[in-house]
Amino acid sequence: MTQKWLLPIDGSETALNAVRWVVGNAKQLRDAPEIHLINVQAVLPNDIGRFINAETIKEFHLENGMKALAAARAELAAAGLAPTLHVLIGDPAAGITDFAASHACTQIVIGTRGHSGLTGTLLGSVAMKLVHHAKIPVLLVR
């Protein structure tokens, strides 16, 4: 069975740490995993729809999502891995867990800044929400 790894990417260096982990570990498997890169864009305020049409907003989200995924895609491609790219709009944690379920992903690999204690609790990171709500294993890479 081919593994399907989901990598949430926000365009940060932290997210690229997860990509580098995947590059280093995917080579050790007999069959390379199917890799899905996902970026979840924040919903724009409803009022913006009065000034900008829906198609322009959709293009805006897609363009920004693809920019966020570019470096991760390039690192994977350099290692001979061809990811599938996805851009969603909405709540990041909910979007990632829903995507993982609907695409039968076997693992979520996400970079984390490593906040713990009070800082981590106050920030309520996407990674921590995934740990609590995902139905599949979540690997946190620091």
N, C-alpha and C. Protein backbone atom coordinates (compact mmCIF):
# COMPACT_ATOMS: atom_id res chain seq x y z
N MET A 1 0.83 -1.18 0.00
CA MET A 1 0.00 0.00 0.00
C MET A 1 0.88 1.25 0.00
N THR A 2 0.61 2.14 -0.90
CA THR A 2 1.37 3.38 -0.96
C THR A 2 0.94 4.31 0.17
N GLN A 3 1.91 4.84 0.85
CA GLN A 3 1.62 5.80 1.91
C GLN A 3 1.31 7.16 1.29
N LYS A 4 0.42 7.90 1.94
CA LYS A 4 0.09 9.26 1.52
C LYS A 4 0.42 10.19 2.66
N TRP A 5 1.42 11.03 2.44
CA TRP A 5 1.85 11.97 3.46
C TRP A 5 1.34 13.35 3.12
N LEU A 6 0.74 14.00 4.10
CA LEU A 6 0.22 15.35 3.94
C LEU A 6 1.12 16.32 4.68
N LEU A 7 1.61 17.32 3.97
CA LEU A 7 2.47 18.34 4.57
C LEU A 7 1.80 19.70 4.49
N PRO A 8 1.32 20.21 5.62
CA PRO A 8 0.77 21.57 5.64
C PRO A 8 1.93 22.56 5.54
N ILE A 9 1.83 23.49 4.62
CA ILE A 9 2.90 24.44 4.36
C ILE A 9 2.34 25.86 4.45
N ASP A 10 2.99 26.69 5.27
CA ASP A 10 2.55 28.09 5.38
C ASP A 10 3.58 29.06 4.79
N GLY A 11 4.62 28.53 4.18
CA GLY A 11 5.64 29.37 3.57
C GLY A 11 6.77 29.73 4.52
N SER A 12 6.74 29.23 5.74
CA SER A 12 7.77 29.56 6.73
C SER A 12 8.94 28.59 6.67
N GLU A 13 10.03 28.99 7.28
CA GLU A 13 11.20 28.13 7.40
C GLU A 13 10.87 26.90 8.25
N THR A 14 10.00 27.07 9.23
CA THR A 14 9.56 25.97 10.08
C THR A 14 8.90 24.88 9.24
N ALA A 15 8.07 25.29 8.31
CA ALA A 15 7.40 24.32 7.43
C ALA A 15 8.41 23.59 6.56
N LEU A 16 9.45 24.29 6.15
CA LEU A 16 10.49 23.65 5.33
C LEU A 16 11.28 22.60 6.12
N ASN A 17 11.34 22.73 7.43
CA ASN A 17 11.98 21.68 8.24
C ASN A 17 11.25 20.36 8.07
N ALA A 18 9.92 20.41 7.99
CA ALA A 18 9.15 19.19 7.77
C ALA A 18 9.43 18.62 6.37
N VAL A 19 9.56 19.49 5.39
CA VAL A 19 9.87 19.05 4.03
C VAL A 19 11.23 18.36 4.02
N ARG A 20 12.19 18.92 4.70
CA ARG A 20 13.54 18.33 4.75
C ARG A 20 13.52 16.97 5.46
N TRP A 21 12.67 16.84 6.48
CA TRP A 21 12.52 15.54 7.14
C TRP A 21 11.97 14.53 6.15
N VAL A 22 10.98 14.93 5.38
CA VAL A 22 10.38 14.03 4.39
C VAL A 22 11.42 13.62 3.36
N VAL A 23 12.20 14.57 2.85
CA VAL A 23 13.23 14.26 1.86
C VAL A 23 14.21 13.24 2.43
N GLY A 24 14.62 13.42 3.66
CA GLY A 24 15.59 12.51 4.27
C GLY A 24 15.03 11.13 4.56
N ASN A 25 13.75 11.06 4.86
CA ASN A 25 13.17 9.78 5.27
C ASN A 25 12.43 9.04 4.17
N ALA A 26 11.94 9.73 3.19
CA ALA A 26 11.22 9.07 2.10
C ALA A 26 12.16 8.17 1.31
N LYS A 27 13.41 8.53 1.23
CA LYS A 27 14.40 7.73 0.49
C LYS A 27 14.64 6.37 1.13
N GLN A 28 14.37 6.27 2.42
CA GLN A 28 14.61 5.01 3.14
C GLN A 28 13.50 3.99 2.91
N LEU A 29 12.39 4.44 2.36
CA LEU A 29 11.26 3.53 2.11
C LEU A 29 11.45 2.80 0.78
N ARG A 30 10.91 1.62 0.70
CA ARG A 30 10.99 0.85 -0.55
C ARG A 30 10.22 1.57 -1.65
N ASP A 31 9.02 2.02 -1.33
CA ASP A 31 8.20 2.78 -2.28
C ASP A 31 8.06 4.20 -1.76
N ALA A 32 8.35 5.17 -2.61
CA ALA A 32 8.22 6.57 -2.20
C ALA A 32 6.76 6.87 -1.88
N PRO A 33 6.53 7.65 -0.83
CA PRO A 33 5.14 7.99 -0.49
C PRO A 33 4.56 8.98 -1.49
N GLU A 34 3.26 8.98 -1.58
CA GLU A 34 2.54 10.00 -2.34
C GLU A 34 2.51 11.23 -1.42
N ILE A 35 3.01 12.36 -1.91
CA ILE A 35 3.13 13.54 -1.06
C ILE A 35 2.16 14.62 -1.52
N HIS A 36 1.40 15.13 -0.55
CA HIS A 36 0.46 16.22 -0.80
C HIS A 36 0.89 17.42 0.01
N LEU A 37 1.16 18.53 -0.68
CA LEU A 37 1.44 19.79 0.00
C LEU A 37 0.15 20.57 0.05
N ILE A 38 -0.17 21.12 1.21
CA ILE A 38 -1.42 21.86 1.36
C ILE A 38 -1.14 23.21 2.03
N ASN A 39 -1.76 24.23 1.49
CA ASN A 39 -1.73 25.55 2.10
C ASN A 39 -3.17 25.98 2.31
N VAL A 40 -3.48 26.43 3.52
CA VAL A 40 -4.83 26.88 3.82
C VAL A 40 -4.81 28.38 4.01
N GLN A 41 -5.50 29.07 3.12
CA GLN A 41 -5.59 30.53 3.15
C GLN A 41 -6.71 30.98 4.08
N ALA A 42 -6.47 32.07 4.79
CA ALA A 42 -7.50 32.63 5.68
C ALA A 42 -8.63 33.23 4.85
N VAL A 43 -9.83 33.08 5.37
CA VAL A 43 -11.00 33.67 4.73
C VAL A 43 -10.90 35.18 4.86
N LEU A 44 -11.18 35.88 3.76
CA LEU A 44 -11.18 37.34 3.80
C LEU A 44 -12.50 37.82 4.39
N PRO A 45 -12.51 39.01 4.97
CA PRO A 45 -13.75 39.54 5.53
C PRO A 45 -14.87 39.60 4.48
N ASN A 46 -16.10 39.36 4.91
CA ASN A 46 -17.24 39.36 3.99
C ASN A 46 -17.41 40.68 3.25
N ASP A 47 -17.06 41.77 3.89
CA ASP A 47 -17.23 43.09 3.27
C ASP A 47 -16.42 43.25 1.99
N ILE A 48 -15.35 42.52 1.88
CA ILE A 48 -14.49 42.67 0.70
C ILE A 48 -15.24 42.32 -0.59
N GLY A 49 -16.23 41.44 -0.45
CA GLY A 49 -17.02 41.03 -1.62
C GLY A 49 -17.81 42.16 -2.24
N ARG A 50 -17.99 43.23 -1.53
CA ARG A 50 -18.68 44.40 -2.10
C ARG A 50 -17.80 45.15 -3.08
N PHE A 51 -16.49 44.98 -2.94
CA PHE A 51 -15.56 45.76 -3.75
C PHE A 51 -14.81 44.92 -4.79
N ILE A 52 -14.69 43.62 -4.51
CA ILE A 52 -13.92 42.73 -5.39
C ILE A 52 -14.78 41.52 -5.70
N ASN A 53 -14.81 41.12 -6.97
CA ASN A 53 -15.67 39.98 -7.33
C ASN A 53 -15.07 38.66 -6.85
N ALA A 54 -15.93 37.66 -6.79
CA ALA A 54 -15.55 36.34 -6.24
C ALA A 54 -14.40 35.70 -7.01
N GLU A 55 -14.38 35.85 -8.31
CA GLU A 55 -13.31 35.25 -9.12
C GLU A 55 -11.95 35.87 -8.79
N THR A 56 -11.90 37.17 -8.58
CA THR A 56 -10.66 37.84 -8.22
C THR A 56 -10.18 37.38 -6.84
N ILE A 57 -11.10 37.20 -5.92
CA ILE A 57 -10.75 36.71 -4.58
C ILE A 57 -10.19 35.30 -4.68
N LYS A 58 -10.84 34.46 -5.48
CA LYS A 58 -10.36 33.09 -5.67
C LYS A 58 -8.94 33.08 -6.26
N GLU A 59 -8.69 33.92 -7.26
CA GLU A 59 -7.36 34.02 -7.86
C GLU A 59 -6.33 34.50 -6.84
N PHE A 60 -6.73 35.45 -5.99
CA PHE A 60 -5.86 35.97 -4.95
C PHE A 60 -5.42 34.84 -4.01
N HIS A 61 -6.39 34.05 -3.53
CA HIS A 61 -6.07 32.94 -2.63
C HIS A 61 -5.17 31.91 -3.32
N LEU A 62 -5.48 31.58 -4.55
CA LEU A 62 -4.68 30.59 -5.27
C LEU A 62 -3.25 31.08 -5.48
N GLU A 63 -3.10 32.32 -5.87
CA GLU A 63 -1.76 32.89 -6.11
C GLU A 63 -0.94 32.90 -4.82
N ASN A 64 -1.55 33.36 -3.72
CA ASN A 64 -0.82 33.39 -2.45
C ASN A 64 -0.51 31.99 -1.93
N GLY A 65 -1.43 31.06 -2.12
CA GLY A 65 -1.19 29.69 -1.70
C GLY A 65 -0.05 29.05 -2.47
N MET A 66 -0.03 29.28 -3.78
CA MET A 66 1.04 28.71 -4.61
C MET A 66 2.40 29.32 -4.27
N LYS A 67 2.41 30.61 -3.93
CA LYS A 67 3.66 31.24 -3.49
C LYS A 67 4.16 30.57 -2.21
N ALA A 68 3.25 30.30 -1.28
CA ALA A 68 3.64 29.68 -0.02
C ALA A 68 4.17 28.26 -0.24
N LEU A 69 3.66 27.57 -1.25
CA LEU A 69 4.07 26.19 -1.52
C LEU A 69 5.34 26.08 -2.38
N ALA A 70 5.76 27.16 -3.01
CA ALA A 70 6.84 27.12 -4.01
C ALA A 70 8.15 26.55 -3.47
N ALA A 71 8.63 27.02 -2.35
CA ALA A 71 9.92 26.55 -1.83
C ALA A 71 9.86 25.08 -1.45
N ALA A 72 8.75 24.67 -0.84
CA ALA A 72 8.60 23.26 -0.46
C ALA A 72 8.56 22.37 -1.70
N ARG A 73 7.83 22.80 -2.69
CA ARG A 73 7.75 22.04 -3.95
C ARG A 73 9.14 21.92 -4.58
N ALA A 74 9.90 23.01 -4.59
CA ALA A 74 11.23 23.01 -5.20
C ALA A 74 12.17 22.04 -4.46
N GLU A 75 12.13 22.03 -3.14
CA GLU A 75 13.01 21.12 -2.38
C GLU A 75 12.64 19.66 -2.63
N LEU A 76 11.35 19.38 -2.69
CA LEU A 76 10.92 18.00 -2.97
C LEU A 76 11.30 17.59 -4.39
N ALA A 77 11.10 18.48 -5.34
CA ALA A 77 11.44 18.18 -6.74
C ALA A 77 12.94 17.94 -6.89
N ALA A 78 13.76 18.71 -6.19
CA ALA A 78 15.21 18.53 -6.24
C ALA A 78 15.62 17.16 -5.72
N ALA A 79 14.80 16.59 -4.84
CA ALA A 79 15.08 15.26 -4.28
C ALA A 79 14.41 14.15 -5.09
N GLY A 80 13.78 14.53 -6.20
CA GLY A 80 13.14 13.53 -7.05
C GLY A 80 11.74 13.15 -6.61
N LEU A 81 11.15 13.94 -5.75
CA LEU A 81 9.79 13.68 -5.28
C LEU A 81 8.84 14.69 -5.92
N ALA A 82 7.73 14.21 -6.44
CA ALA A 82 6.77 15.08 -7.13
C ALA A 82 5.49 15.20 -6.31
N PRO A 83 5.37 16.27 -5.54
CA PRO A 83 4.18 16.43 -4.71
C PRO A 83 2.98 16.92 -5.52
N THR A 84 1.80 16.69 -4.97
CA THR A 84 0.58 17.27 -5.50
C THR A 84 0.28 18.49 -4.64
N LEU A 85 -0.07 19.61 -5.28
CA LEU A 85 -0.28 20.87 -4.56
C LEU A 85 -1.77 21.14 -4.38
N HIS A 86 -2.11 21.67 -3.19
CA HIS A 86 -3.50 21.98 -2.88
C HIS A 86 -3.56 23.31 -2.13
N VAL A 87 -4.50 24.15 -2.50
CA VAL A 87 -4.75 25.40 -1.79
C VAL A 87 -6.21 25.39 -1.36
N LEU A 88 -6.42 25.55 -0.07
CA LEU A 88 -7.77 25.60 0.50
C LEU A 88 -7.99 26.95 1.15
N ILE A 89 -9.23 27.24 1.45
CA ILE A 89 -9.59 28.48 2.14
C ILE A 89 -10.40 28.10 3.37
N GLY A 90 -10.03 28.67 4.52
CA GLY A 90 -10.79 28.40 5.74
C GLY A 90 -9.90 28.28 6.96
N ASP A 91 -10.41 27.58 7.95
CA ASP A 91 -9.66 27.34 9.18
C ASP A 91 -8.58 26.30 8.89
N PRO A 92 -7.31 26.62 9.18
CA PRO A 92 -6.23 25.69 8.84
C PRO A 92 -6.37 24.29 9.43
N ALA A 93 -6.59 24.18 10.73
CA ALA A 93 -6.65 22.86 11.36
C ALA A 93 -7.82 22.04 10.81
N ALA A 94 -8.97 22.65 10.70
CA ALA A 94 -10.14 21.93 10.17
C ALA A 94 -9.93 21.54 8.71
N GLY A 95 -9.38 22.46 7.92
CA GLY A 95 -9.13 22.16 6.51
C GLY A 95 -8.15 21.02 6.32
N ILE A 96 -7.11 20.99 7.13
CA ILE A 96 -6.09 19.95 7.03
C ILE A 96 -6.66 18.60 7.44
N THR A 97 -7.38 18.55 8.56
CA THR A 97 -7.92 17.27 9.01
C THR A 97 -8.99 16.75 8.05
N ASP A 98 -9.82 17.64 7.52
CA ASP A 98 -10.85 17.23 6.55
C ASP A 98 -10.20 16.71 5.27
N PHE A 99 -9.16 17.40 4.81
CA PHE A 99 -8.45 16.98 3.60
C PHE A 99 -7.81 15.61 3.83
N ALA A 100 -7.16 15.44 4.96
CA ALA A 100 -6.50 14.16 5.27
C ALA A 100 -7.51 13.02 5.23
N ALA A 101 -8.67 13.23 5.80
CA ALA A 101 -9.70 12.19 5.82
C ALA A 101 -10.25 11.91 4.42
N SER A 102 -10.54 12.96 3.68
CA SER A 102 -11.16 12.76 2.37
C SER A 102 -10.20 12.22 1.32
N HIS A 103 -8.90 12.37 1.55
CA HIS A 103 -7.90 11.87 0.60
C HIS A 103 -7.16 10.64 1.12
N ALA A 104 -7.65 10.05 2.19
CA ALA A 104 -7.09 8.82 2.77
C ALA A 104 -5.59 8.95 3.04
N CYS A 105 -5.18 10.09 3.59
CA CYS A 105 -3.78 10.28 3.94
C CYS A 105 -3.43 9.38 5.12
N THR A 106 -2.20 8.91 5.14
CA THR A 106 -1.77 7.99 6.20
C THR A 106 -0.98 8.69 7.31
N GLN A 107 -0.53 9.92 7.05
CA GLN A 107 0.28 10.64 8.03
C GLN A 107 0.29 12.13 7.69
N ILE A 108 0.29 12.96 8.72
CA ILE A 108 0.48 14.40 8.55
C ILE A 108 1.85 14.73 9.12
N VAL A 109 2.67 15.42 8.33
CA VAL A 109 4.00 15.83 8.78
C VAL A 109 4.02 17.35 8.78
N ILE A 110 4.19 17.94 9.96
CA ILE A 110 4.11 19.40 10.07
C ILE A 110 5.26 19.94 10.89
N GLY A 111 5.80 21.06 10.45
CA GLY A 111 6.85 21.74 11.19
C GLY A 111 6.24 22.51 12.35
N THR A 112 6.98 22.58 13.45
CA THR A 112 6.51 23.31 14.61
C THR A 112 7.65 24.14 15.18
N ARG A 113 7.30 25.26 15.73
CA ARG A 113 8.31 26.15 16.31
C ARG A 113 8.77 25.66 17.67
N GLY A 114 8.04 24.73 18.27
CA GLY A 114 8.46 24.15 19.54
C GLY A 114 8.03 24.92 20.76
N HIS A 115 7.03 25.79 20.62
CA HIS A 115 6.51 26.48 21.80
C HIS A 115 5.87 25.47 22.73
N SER A 116 6.10 25.63 24.00
CA SER A 116 5.47 24.73 24.97
C SER A 116 4.98 25.57 26.15
N GLY A 117 4.36 24.90 27.07
CA GLY A 117 3.90 25.58 28.27
C GLY A 117 2.88 26.66 27.95
N LEU A 118 3.01 27.79 28.65
CA LEU A 118 2.05 28.88 28.52
C LEU A 118 2.04 29.47 27.11
N THR A 119 3.21 29.64 26.51
CA THR A 119 3.27 30.19 25.16
C THR A 119 2.50 29.32 24.18
N GLY A 120 2.74 28.01 24.23
CA GLY A 120 2.04 27.10 23.34
C GLY A 120 0.55 27.09 23.57
N THR A 121 0.15 27.15 24.82
CA THR A 121 -1.27 27.17 25.16
C THR A 121 -1.93 28.43 24.64
N LEU A 122 -1.29 29.56 24.83
CA LEU A 122 -1.86 30.83 24.39
C LEU A 122 -1.91 30.94 22.86
N LEU A 123 -0.90 30.42 22.20
CA LEU A 123 -0.87 30.50 20.74
C LEU A 123 -1.87 29.55 20.10
N GLY A 124 -2.12 28.40 20.75
CA GLY A 124 -3.08 27.44 20.20
C GLY A 124 -2.71 27.05 18.79
N SER A 125 -1.52 26.60 18.58
CA SER A 125 -0.98 26.37 17.25
C SER A 125 -1.79 25.37 16.44
N VAL A 126 -1.68 25.50 15.13
CA VAL A 126 -2.33 24.57 14.21
C VAL A 126 -1.82 23.16 14.48
N ALA A 127 -0.54 23.02 14.73
CA ALA A 127 0.04 21.69 14.99
C ALA A 127 -0.63 21.03 16.19
N MET A 128 -0.82 21.77 17.25
CA MET A 128 -1.45 21.20 18.45
C MET A 128 -2.91 20.83 18.18
N LYS A 129 -3.60 21.64 17.41
CA LYS A 129 -4.98 21.31 17.05
C LYS A 129 -5.02 20.03 16.23
N LEU A 130 -4.05 19.85 15.34
CA LEU A 130 -3.99 18.63 14.53
C LEU A 130 -3.74 17.41 15.42
N VAL A 131 -2.85 17.55 16.37
CA VAL A 131 -2.56 16.44 17.29
C VAL A 131 -3.84 15.99 17.99
N HIS A 132 -4.66 16.94 18.37
CA HIS A 132 -5.88 16.63 19.11
C HIS A 132 -7.03 16.13 18.24
N HIS A 133 -7.10 16.58 16.97
CA HIS A 133 -8.28 16.29 16.17
C HIS A 133 -8.07 15.33 14.99
N ALA A 134 -6.85 15.16 14.55
CA ALA A 134 -6.60 14.29 13.39
C ALA A 134 -6.86 12.83 13.76
N LYS A 135 -7.35 12.09 12.81
CA LYS A 135 -7.64 10.66 13.00
C LYS A 135 -6.47 9.78 12.53
N ILE A 136 -5.41 10.42 12.05
CA ILE A 136 -4.22 9.71 11.59
C ILE A 136 -3.01 10.25 12.36
N PRO A 137 -1.88 9.55 12.30
CA PRO A 137 -0.69 10.03 13.01
C PRO A 137 -0.25 11.41 12.52
N VAL A 138 0.18 12.23 13.46
CA VAL A 138 0.72 13.57 13.17
C VAL A 138 2.15 13.59 13.67
N LEU A 139 3.07 13.84 12.77
CA LEU A 139 4.48 13.92 13.12
C LEU A 139 4.86 15.39 13.19
N LEU A 140 5.32 15.82 14.35
CA LEU A 140 5.77 17.19 14.55
C LEU A 140 7.28 17.24 14.35
N VAL A 141 7.72 18.10 13.45
CA VAL A 141 9.16 18.22 13.14
C VAL A 141 9.62 19.60 13.60
N ARG A 142 10.66 19.60 14.40
CA ARG A 142 11.21 20.84 14.92
C ARG A 142 12.47 21.23 14.23
